[in-house]
PDB file of N, CA and C in Angstrom:
ATOM      1  N   MET A   1       0.848  -1.175   0.000  1.00  0.00           N
ATOM      2  CA  MET A   1       0.000   0.000   0.000  1.00  0.00           C
ATOM      3  C   MET A   1       0.895   1.240   0.000  1.00  0.00           C
ATOM      4  N   ASP A   2       0.632   2.114  -0.905  1.00  0.00           N
ATOM      5  CA  ASP A   2       1.379   3.349  -1.055  1.00  0.00           C
ATOM      6  C   ASP A   2       0.961   4.347   0.030  1.00  0.00           C
ATOM      7  N   VAL A   3       1.865   5.218   0.433  1.00  0.00           N
ATOM      8  CA  VAL A   3       1.564   6.196   1.468  1.00  0.00           C
ATOM      9  C   VAL A   3       0.458   7.154   1.010  1.00  0.00           C
ATOM     10  N   ASN A   4       0.409   7.459  -0.273  1.00  0.00           N
ATOM     11  CA  ASN A   4      -0.637   8.352  -0.778  1.00  0.00           C
ATOM     12  C   ASN A   4      -2.010   7.694  -0.726  1.00  0.00           C
ATOM     13  N   THR A   5      -2.052   6.393  -0.949  1.00  0.00           N
ATOM     14  CA  THR A   5      -3.306   5.665  -0.820  1.00  0.00           C
ATOM     15  C   THR A   5      -3.782   5.690   0.625  1.00  0.00           C
ATOM     16  N   LEU A   6      -2.868   5.498   1.549  1.00  0.00           N
ATOM     17  CA  LEU A   6      -3.212   5.548   2.965  1.00  0.00           C
ATOM     18  C   LEU A   6      -3.728   6.928   3.357  1.00  0.00           C
ATOM     19  N   ARG A   7      -3.109   7.976   2.835  1.00  0.00           N
ATOM     20  CA  ARG A   7      -3.577   9.338   3.111  1.00  0.00           C
ATOM     21  C   ARG A   7      -4.972   9.570   2.553  1.00  0.00           C
ATOM     22  N   SER A   8      -5.224   9.056   1.367  1.00  0.00           N
ATOM     23  CA  SER A   8      -6.546   9.206   0.751  1.00  0.00           C
ATOM     24  C   SER A   8      -7.616   8.478   1.552  1.00  0.00           C
ATOM     25  N   VAL A   9      -7.313   7.271   1.977  1.00  0.00           N
ATOM     26  CA  VAL A   9      -8.263   6.489   2.780  1.00  0.00           C
ATOM     27  C   VAL A   9      -8.531   7.184   4.105  1.00  0.00           C
ATOM     28  N   THR A  10      -7.499   7.712   4.735  1.00  0.00           N
ATOM     29  CA  THR A  10      -7.664   8.430   5.996  1.00  0.00           C
ATOM     30  C   THR A  10      -8.519   9.673   5.814  1.00  0.00           C
ATOM     31  N   THR A  11      -8.336  10.384   4.728  1.00  0.00           N
ATOM     32  CA  THR A  11      -9.135  11.569   4.446  1.00  0.00           C
ATOM     33  C   THR A  11     -10.599  11.211   4.242  1.00  0.00           C
ATOM     34  N   VAL A  12     -10.859  10.167   3.495  1.00  0.00           N
ATOM     35  CA  VAL A  12     -12.238   9.747   3.240  1.00  0.00           C
ATOM     36  C   VAL A  12     -12.910   9.284   4.523  1.00  0.00           C
ATOM     37  N   ILE A  13     -12.212   8.524   5.336  1.00  0.00           N
ATOM     38  CA  ILE A  13     -12.779   8.057   6.611  1.00  0.00           C
ATOM     39  C   ILE A  13     -13.057   9.242   7.536  1.00  0.00           C
ATOM     40  N   SER A  14     -12.153  10.196   7.588  1.00  0.00           N
ATOM     41  CA  SER A  14     -12.354  11.381   8.421  1.00  0.00           C
ATOM     42  C   SER A  14     -13.562  12.181   7.956  1.00  0.00           C
ATOM     43  N   PHE A  15     -13.726  12.316   6.654  1.00  0.00           N
ATOM     44  CA  PHE A  15     -14.863  13.046   6.110  1.00  0.00           C
ATOM     45  C   PHE A  15     -16.176  12.343   6.445  1.00  0.00           C
ATOM     46  N   VAL A  16     -16.207  11.031   6.333  1.00  0.00           N
ATOM     47  CA  VAL A  16     -17.417  10.268   6.660  1.00  0.00           C
ATOM     48  C   VAL A  16     -17.759  10.414   8.140  1.00  0.00           C
ATOM     49  N   VAL A  17     -16.769  10.366   9.006  1.00  0.00           N
ATOM     50  CA  VAL A  17     -17.005  10.549  10.440  1.00  0.00           C
ATOM     51  C   VAL A  17     -17.517  11.961  10.716  1.00  0.00           C
ATOM     52  N   PHE A  18     -16.955  12.955  10.059  1.00  0.00           N
ATOM     53  CA  PHE A  18     -17.409  14.334  10.227  1.00  0.00           C
ATOM     54  C   PHE A  18     -18.872  14.482   9.812  1.00  0.00           C
ATOM     55  N   ILE A  19     -19.244  13.934   8.686  1.00  0.00           N
ATOM     56  CA  ILE A  19     -20.635  14.009   8.214  1.00  0.00           C
ATOM     57  C   ILE A  19     -21.564  13.293   9.188  1.00  0.00           C
ATOM     58  N   ALA A  20     -21.126  12.166   9.728  1.00  0.00           N
ATOM     59  CA  ALA A  20     -21.953  11.429  10.699  1.00  0.00           C
ATOM     60  C   ALA A  20     -22.175  12.258  11.966  1.00  0.00           C
ATOM     61  N   ILE A  21     -21.148  12.947  12.443  1.00  0.00           N
ATOM     62  CA  ILE A  21     -21.284  13.779  13.636  1.00  0.00           C
ATOM     63  C   ILE A  21     -22.210  14.956  13.364  1.00  0.00           C
ATOM     64  N   VAL A  22     -22.094  15.574  12.203  1.00  0.00           N
ATOM     65  CA  VAL A  22     -22.973  16.693  11.851  1.00  0.00           C
ATOM     66  C   VAL A  22     -24.420  16.225  11.761  1.00  0.00           C
ATOM     67  N   ARG A  23     -24.654  15.091  11.147  1.00  0.00           N
ATOM     68  CA  ARG A  23     -26.030  14.563  11.052  1.00  0.00           C
ATOM     69  C   ARG A  23     -26.578  14.249  12.429  1.00  0.00           C
ATOM     70  N   TRP A  24     -25.753  13.699  13.314  1.00  0.00           N
ATOM     71  CA  TRP A  24     -26.198  13.393  14.676  1.00  0.00           C
ATOM     72  C   TRP A  24     -26.548  14.673  15.426  1.00  0.00           C
ATOM     73  N   ALA A  25     -25.709  15.691  15.294  1.00  0.00           N
ATOM     74  CA  ALA A  25     -25.921  16.941  16.026  1.00  0.00           C
ATOM     75  C   ALA A  25     -27.166  17.677  15.545  1.00  0.00           C
ATOM     76  N   TRP A  26     -27.480  17.596  14.274  1.00  0.00           N
ATOM     77  CA  TRP A  26     -28.622  18.324  13.727  1.00  0.00           C
ATOM     78  C   TRP A  26     -29.873  17.459  13.613  1.00  0.00           C
ATOM     79  N   SER A  27     -29.871  16.257  14.163  1.00  0.00           N
ATOM     80  CA  SER A  27     -31.049  15.396  14.061  1.00  0.00           C
ATOM     81  C   SER A  27     -32.169  15.919  14.957  1.00  0.00           C
ATOM     82  N   LYS A  28     -33.379  15.669  14.543  1.00  0.00           N
ATOM     83  CA  LYS A  28     -34.549  16.144  15.288  1.00  0.00           C
ATOM     84  C   LYS A  28     -34.639  15.512  16.674  1.00  0.00           C
ATOM     85  N   SER A  29     -34.174  14.286  16.819  1.00  0.00           N
ATOM     86  CA  SER A  29     -34.274  13.607  18.108  1.00  0.00           C
ATOM     87  C   SER A  29     -33.353  14.215  19.160  1.00  0.00           C
ATOM     88  N   ARG A  30     -32.297  14.921  18.748  1.00  0.00           N
ATOM     89  CA  ARG A  30     -31.364  15.535  19.690  1.00  0.00           C
ATOM     90  C   ARG A  30     -31.713  16.990  20.004  1.00  0.00           C
ATOM     91  N   ALA A  31     -32.663  17.565  19.303  1.00  0.00           N
ATOM     92  CA  ALA A  31     -32.973  18.992  19.437  1.00  0.00           C
ATOM     93  C   ALA A  31     -33.376  19.344  20.868  1.00  0.00           C
ATOM     94  N   HIS A  32     -34.184  18.515  21.502  1.00  0.00           N
ATOM     95  CA  HIS A  32     -34.643  18.807  22.858  1.00  0.00           C
ATOM     96  C   HIS A  32     -33.474  18.802  23.850  1.00  0.00           C
ATOM     97  N   ASP A  33     -32.595  17.839  23.725  1.00  0.00           N
ATOM     98  CA  ASP A  33     -31.434  17.764  24.622  1.00  0.00           C
ATOM     99  C   ASP A  33     -30.526  18.978  24.463  1.00  0.00           C
ATOM    100  N   PHE A  34     -30.297  19.400  23.228  1.00  0.00           N
ATOM    101  CA  PHE A  34     -29.448  20.557  22.998  1.00  0.00           C
ATOM    102  C   PHE A  34     -30.125  21.848  23.458  1.00  0.00           C
ATOM    103  N   GLN A  35     -31.445  21.932  23.342  1.00  0.00           N
ATOM    104  CA  GLN A  35     -32.163  23.103  23.826  1.00  0.00           C
ATOM    105  C   GLN A  35     -32.053  23.191  25.345  1.00  0.00           C
ATOM    106  N   ASP A  36     -32.177  22.068  26.024  1.00  0.00           N
ATOM    107  CA  ASP A  36     -32.008  22.053  27.480  1.00  0.00           C
ATOM    108  C   ASP A  36     -30.589  22.472  27.879  1.00  0.00           C
ATOM    109  N   ALA A  37     -29.604  21.988  27.165  1.00  0.00           N
ATOM    110  CA  ALA A  37     -28.216  22.348  27.456  1.00  0.00           C
ATOM    111  C   ALA A  37     -27.955  23.833  27.194  1.00  0.00           C
ATOM    112  N   ALA A  38     -28.602  24.377  26.175  1.00  0.00           N
ATOM    113  CA  ALA A  38     -28.414  25.794  25.854  1.00  0.00           C
ATOM    114  C   ALA A  38     -29.021  26.705  26.928  1.00  0.00           C
ATOM    115  N   ASN A  39     -30.051  26.222  27.607  1.00  0.00           N
ATOM    116  CA  ASN A  39     -30.725  27.040  28.634  1.00  0.00           C
ATOM    117  C   ASN A  39     -30.136  26.878  30.021  1.00  0.00           C
ATOM    118  N   LEU A  40     -29.181  25.987  30.209  1.00  0.00           N
ATOM    119  CA  LEU A  40     -28.591  25.786  31.533  1.00  0.00           C
ATOM    120  C   LEU A  40     -28.002  27.035  32.156  1.00  0.00           C
ATOM    121  N   PRO A  41     -27.289  27.902  31.441  1.00  0.00           N
ATOM    122  CA  PRO A  41     -26.722  29.093  32.081  1.00  0.00           C
ATOM    123  C   PRO A  41     -27.778  30.075  32.602  1.00  0.00           C
ATOM    124  N   PHE A  42     -28.995  29.984  32.081  1.00  0.00           N
ATOM    125  CA  PHE A  42     -30.032  30.943  32.444  1.00  0.00           C
ATOM    126  C   PHE A  42     -30.930  30.458  33.574  1.00  0.00           C
ATOM    127  N   GLU A  43     -30.763  29.216  34.001  1.00  0.00           N
ATOM    128  CA  GLU A  43     -31.574  28.676  35.084  1.00  0.00           C
ATOM    129  C   GLU A  43     -31.088  29.233  36.415  1.00  0.00           C
ATOM    130  N   GLN A  44     -32.030  29.532  37.288  1.00  0.00           N
ATOM    131  CA  GLN A  44     -31.674  30.061  38.599  1.00  0.00           C
ATOM    132  C   GLN A  44     -31.630  28.933  39.613  1.00  0.00           C
ATOM    133  N   ASP A  45     -30.868  29.139  40.661  1.00  0.00           N
ATOM    134  CA  ASP A  45     -30.740  28.109  41.701  1.00  0.00           C
ATOM    135  C   ASP A  45     -31.998  27.957  42.490  1.00  0.00           C
TER     136      ASP A  45
END
């Protein structure tokens, strides 16, 4: 295996992981959890 092939495979795998994380973060099922986390600084004791 050539070093350039390894670099290409690593780039493609990294891109796929990045897209998976973005899809997870913007999914409708996670919206409520992220909204709760966003409001934590504004909650009073």
